[in-house]
Amino acid sequence: MCGRFSLRVPPEDIAEHFGLEVEPSWEPRYNLAPTQDVGIVRAGPGTKRVFDLARWGLLPAGGPGPGHGPVLINARSETAREKSPFRLPLEHRRCLIPADGFYEWRRRDRWRQPYRIALRDSDLFSFAGLWDEWHAKTGERLISCTILTTVPNPLLAAIHDRMPVLVPPIDYECWLDGDSSVSKISHLLLLARW
């Protein structure tokens, strides 16, 4: 489970890391929470990548919209292709969700201890994400996203039973390629690189 994360780096660092032609409009944030707008990087025209803001909590294209049903902030990577809200986005609407840390809470008797988890040697990394676009009858459109999760590596297993799937920079292009079949990216769905 990933229920909070941070993206504190300046926009120029995001643009450089993800190979964006246009610097994103982004204010550093220390505590991004479900239903807030988060940054996503997705495939644009040709080989370009674009940065968008998306509501964190996937709203399936044909679904009832905000305020109806559960908030789908995470999707289990092991079962995403079997679940209807995630099937089509996994096939054609994959995104990178930039972050520089995330928070998990370890249960200790009656209380929970928060931990901030970050890479030791890098300020910026990417969660494997899915996005979709919901359209209201009024013409309103809303882009939303979810973070894929997997079983934790040994370091995080002591804190929580799930962790976000991370996409290494070398695999960004493969992950974003909407023409790549799920079988071609399946090795990325189980990555717990920490």
Protein backbone atom coordinates (compact mmCIF):
# COMPACT_ATOMS: atom_id res chain seq x y z
CA MET A 1 0.00 0.00 0.00
CA CYS A 2 1.21 3.45 -0.76
CA GLY A 3 -1.04 6.08 0.78
CA ARG A 4 1.20 9.15 0.91
CA PHE A 5 4.29 10.30 -0.95
CA SER A 6 6.43 13.36 -1.62
CA LEU A 7 7.80 15.15 -4.67
CA ARG A 8 9.98 17.96 -3.36
CA VAL A 9 12.33 18.43 -6.31
CA PRO A 10 12.12 21.55 -8.51
CA PRO A 11 10.41 21.39 -11.93
CA GLU A 12 13.68 21.63 -13.85
CA ASP A 13 14.92 18.43 -12.17
CA ILE A 14 11.70 16.62 -13.11
CA ALA A 15 12.06 17.77 -16.73
CA GLU A 16 15.67 16.61 -16.91
CA HIS A 17 15.09 13.24 -15.22
CA PHE A 18 12.10 12.28 -17.39
CA GLY A 19 13.30 13.82 -20.66
CA LEU A 20 10.49 16.37 -20.89
CA GLU A 21 10.68 19.10 -23.52
CA VAL A 22 8.51 21.43 -21.44
CA GLU A 23 9.29 22.13 -17.81
CA PRO A 24 6.28 21.06 -15.72
CA SER A 25 4.20 23.44 -13.69
CA TRP A 26 4.86 21.91 -10.28
CA GLU A 27 5.26 23.23 -6.75
CA PRO A 28 7.31 20.93 -4.47
CA ARG A 29 5.05 18.94 -2.12
CA TYR A 30 5.95 17.06 1.04
CA ASN A 31 2.75 15.13 1.65
CA LEU A 32 0.72 14.11 -1.40
CA ALA A 33 -2.50 12.38 -0.38
CA PRO A 34 -5.26 10.43 -2.16
CA THR A 35 -7.73 12.51 -4.23
CA GLN A 36 -5.17 15.33 -4.59
CA ASP A 37 -3.60 16.19 -7.92
CA VAL A 38 -0.25 14.49 -8.44
CA GLY A 39 2.17 14.68 -11.33
CA ILE A 40 2.27 11.94 -13.95
CA VAL A 41 4.51 11.45 -16.96
CA ARG A 42 2.90 9.73 -19.92
CA ALA A 43 3.60 9.14 -23.58
CA GLY A 44 2.89 12.11 -25.79
CA PRO A 45 2.89 12.47 -29.57
CA GLY A 46 5.68 10.59 -31.29
CA THR A 47 8.45 9.86 -28.84
CA LYS A 48 7.73 12.83 -26.59
CA ARG A 49 6.81 12.53 -22.93
CA VAL A 50 4.35 14.89 -21.29
CA PHE A 51 3.76 15.88 -17.67
CA ASP A 52 0.14 16.14 -16.54
CA LEU A 53 -1.67 16.59 -13.29
CA ALA A 54 -3.96 13.71 -12.37
CA ARG A 55 -6.29 13.04 -9.48
CA TRP A 56 -4.78 10.31 -7.31
CA GLY A 57 -7.46 7.63 -7.21
CA LEU A 58 -8.35 6.00 -10.52
CA LEU A 59 -11.76 6.86 -11.97
CA PRO A 60 -12.46 4.34 -14.74
CA ALA A 61 -13.54 5.92 -18.03
CA GLY A 62 -17.00 4.31 -17.97
CA GLY A 63 -17.48 4.60 -14.20
CA PRO A 64 -19.85 6.82 -12.24
CA GLY A 65 -17.23 9.45 -11.41
CA PRO A 66 -15.92 11.21 -8.31
CA GLY A 67 -17.64 10.51 -5.03
CA HIS A 68 -19.10 7.16 -6.13
CA GLY A 69 -17.43 3.93 -5.12
CA PRO A 70 -14.03 3.27 -3.60
CA VAL A 71 -11.02 5.49 -4.18
CA LEU A 72 -8.65 3.29 -6.21
CA ILE A 73 -5.31 4.76 -5.09
CA ASN A 74 -3.41 1.46 -5.46
CA ALA A 75 -3.70 -1.60 -7.71
CA ARG A 76 -2.09 -4.95 -6.98
CA SER A 77 0.33 -5.62 -9.83
CA GLU A 78 -0.29 -9.37 -9.55
CA THR A 79 -4.01 -9.04 -10.34
CA ALA A 80 -4.31 -5.74 -12.25
CA ARG A 81 -4.88 -7.40 -15.63
CA GLU A 82 -7.81 -9.39 -14.15
CA LYS A 83 -9.65 -6.44 -12.56
CA SER A 84 -11.91 -4.40 -14.83
CA PRO A 85 -10.94 -0.90 -13.59
CA PHE A 86 -7.26 -1.61 -14.30
CA ARG A 87 -7.30 -3.92 -17.34
CA LEU A 88 -7.50 -1.31 -20.12
CA PRO A 89 -5.18 1.20 -18.44
CA LEU A 90 -2.60 -1.56 -17.90
CA GLU A 91 -2.72 -2.37 -21.60
CA HIS A 92 -2.71 1.17 -23.02
CA ARG A 93 -2.51 3.89 -20.34
CA ARG A 94 0.60 3.35 -18.29
CA CYS A 95 2.33 6.31 -16.67
CA LEU A 96 5.25 7.16 -14.45
CA ILE A 97 4.45 8.85 -11.15
CA PRO A 98 7.46 10.93 -10.04
CA ALA A 99 8.37 10.84 -6.34
CA ASP A 100 11.32 11.36 -4.04
CA GLY A 101 9.93 9.40 -1.09
CA PHE A 102 6.85 7.66 0.25
CA TYR A 103 5.39 6.97 3.65
CA GLU A 104 4.39 3.71 5.28
CA TRP A 105 3.08 3.05 8.76
CA ARG A 106 4.21 0.08 10.81
CA ARG A 107 1.65 -1.28 13.26
CA ARG A 108 2.84 -1.44 16.86
CA ASP A 109 0.14 -2.69 19.21
CA ARG A 110 -2.41 0.14 19.38
CA TRP A 111 -0.52 2.77 17.37
CA ARG A 112 1.29 3.10 14.06
CA GLN A 113 4.84 4.33 13.54
CA PRO A 114 5.31 6.38 10.34
CA TYR A 115 8.38 5.89 8.13
CA ARG A 116 9.56 7.94 5.18
CA ILE A 117 11.21 5.73 2.58
CA ALA A 118 13.56 7.16 -0.07
CA LEU A 119 16.41 6.03 -2.27
CA ARG A 120 19.84 6.44 -0.75
CA ASP A 121 21.58 7.58 -3.94
CA SER A 122 18.91 9.50 -5.84
CA ASP A 123 16.49 12.32 -5.19
CA LEU A 124 13.99 11.24 -7.82
CA PHE A 125 12.40 7.95 -8.85
CA SER A 126 9.19 6.73 -10.41
CA PHE A 127 6.27 4.57 -9.33
CA ALA A 128 4.63 2.39 -11.96
CA GLY A 129 1.25 4.01 -12.55
CA LEU A 130 -1.91 3.66 -14.58
CA TRP A 131 -4.07 6.54 -15.75
CA ASP A 132 -7.53 6.93 -17.22
CA GLU A 133 -9.75 9.75 -18.39
CA TRP A 134 -13.28 10.07 -17.06
CA HIS A 135 -15.85 12.15 -18.98
CA ALA A 136 -18.98 13.63 -17.44
CA LYS A 137 -22.17 14.11 -19.45
CA THR A 138 -21.59 17.85 -19.07
CA GLY A 139 -18.33 17.55 -21.03
CA GLU A 140 -16.09 17.82 -17.98
CA ARG A 141 -13.05 15.55 -18.16
CA LEU A 142 -10.85 14.34 -15.37
CA ILE A 143 -7.53 12.50 -15.61
CA SER A 144 -6.89 10.18 -12.69
CA CYS A 145 -4.22 7.67 -11.72
CA THR A 146 -3.31 4.78 -9.45
CA ILE A 147 -0.02 3.35 -8.17
CA LEU A 148 0.79 -0.31 -8.76
CA THR A 149 1.99 -2.23 -5.70
CA THR A 150 3.82 -5.51 -5.16
CA VAL A 151 5.13 -7.71 -2.35
CA PRO A 152 7.83 -5.89 -0.38
CA ASN A 153 11.51 -6.55 -0.52
CA PRO A 154 13.19 -7.75 2.71
CA LEU A 155 13.99 -4.20 3.83
CA LEU A 156 10.38 -3.03 3.66
CA ALA A 157 8.73 -6.29 4.73
CA ALA A 158 9.40 -5.38 8.37
CA ILE A 159 7.30 -2.23 7.91
CA HIS A 160 4.46 -3.19 5.56
CA ASP A 161 3.13 -6.11 3.52
CA ARG A 162 3.03 -4.12 0.23
CA MET A 163 5.23 -1.59 -1.52
CA PRO A 164 4.99 0.48 -4.72
CA VAL A 165 6.34 -0.97 -7.96
CA LEU A 166 9.31 1.11 -9.09
CA VAL A 167 10.26 1.60 -12.72
CA PRO A 168 14.00 2.07 -13.26
CA PRO A 169 14.95 4.88 -15.68
CA ILE A 170 16.29 2.36 -18.20
CA ASP A 171 12.74 0.94 -18.50
CA TYR A 172 10.79 4.23 -18.71
CA GLU A 173 10.37 3.97 -22.49
CA CYS A 174 9.19 0.36 -22.36
CA TRP A 175 6.71 1.13 -19.55
CA LEU A 176 5.23 4.13 -21.36
CA ASP A 177 4.95 2.42 -24.75
CA GLY A 178 1.22 1.81 -25.12
CA ASP A 179 1.93 -0.57 -27.99
CA SER A 180 3.96 -2.89 -25.75
CA SER A 181 1.81 -5.81 -24.70
CA VAL A 182 1.37 -6.57 -21.02
CA SER A 183 3.54 -9.66 -21.50
CA LYS A 184 6.43 -7.41 -22.63
CA ILE A 185 6.25 -5.32 -19.46
CA SER A 186 5.24 -8.07 -17.02
CA HIS A 187 8.79 -8.30 -15.63
CA LEU A 188 8.41 -4.69 -14.44
CA LEU A 189 5.21 -5.39 -12.51
CA LEU A 190 6.98 -7.21 -9.71
CA LEU A 191 9.98 -4.95 -9.23
CA ALA A 192 10.73 -4.06 -5.67
CA ARG A 193 14.02 -2.23 -6.26
CA TRP A 194 15.21 -0.82 -2.96
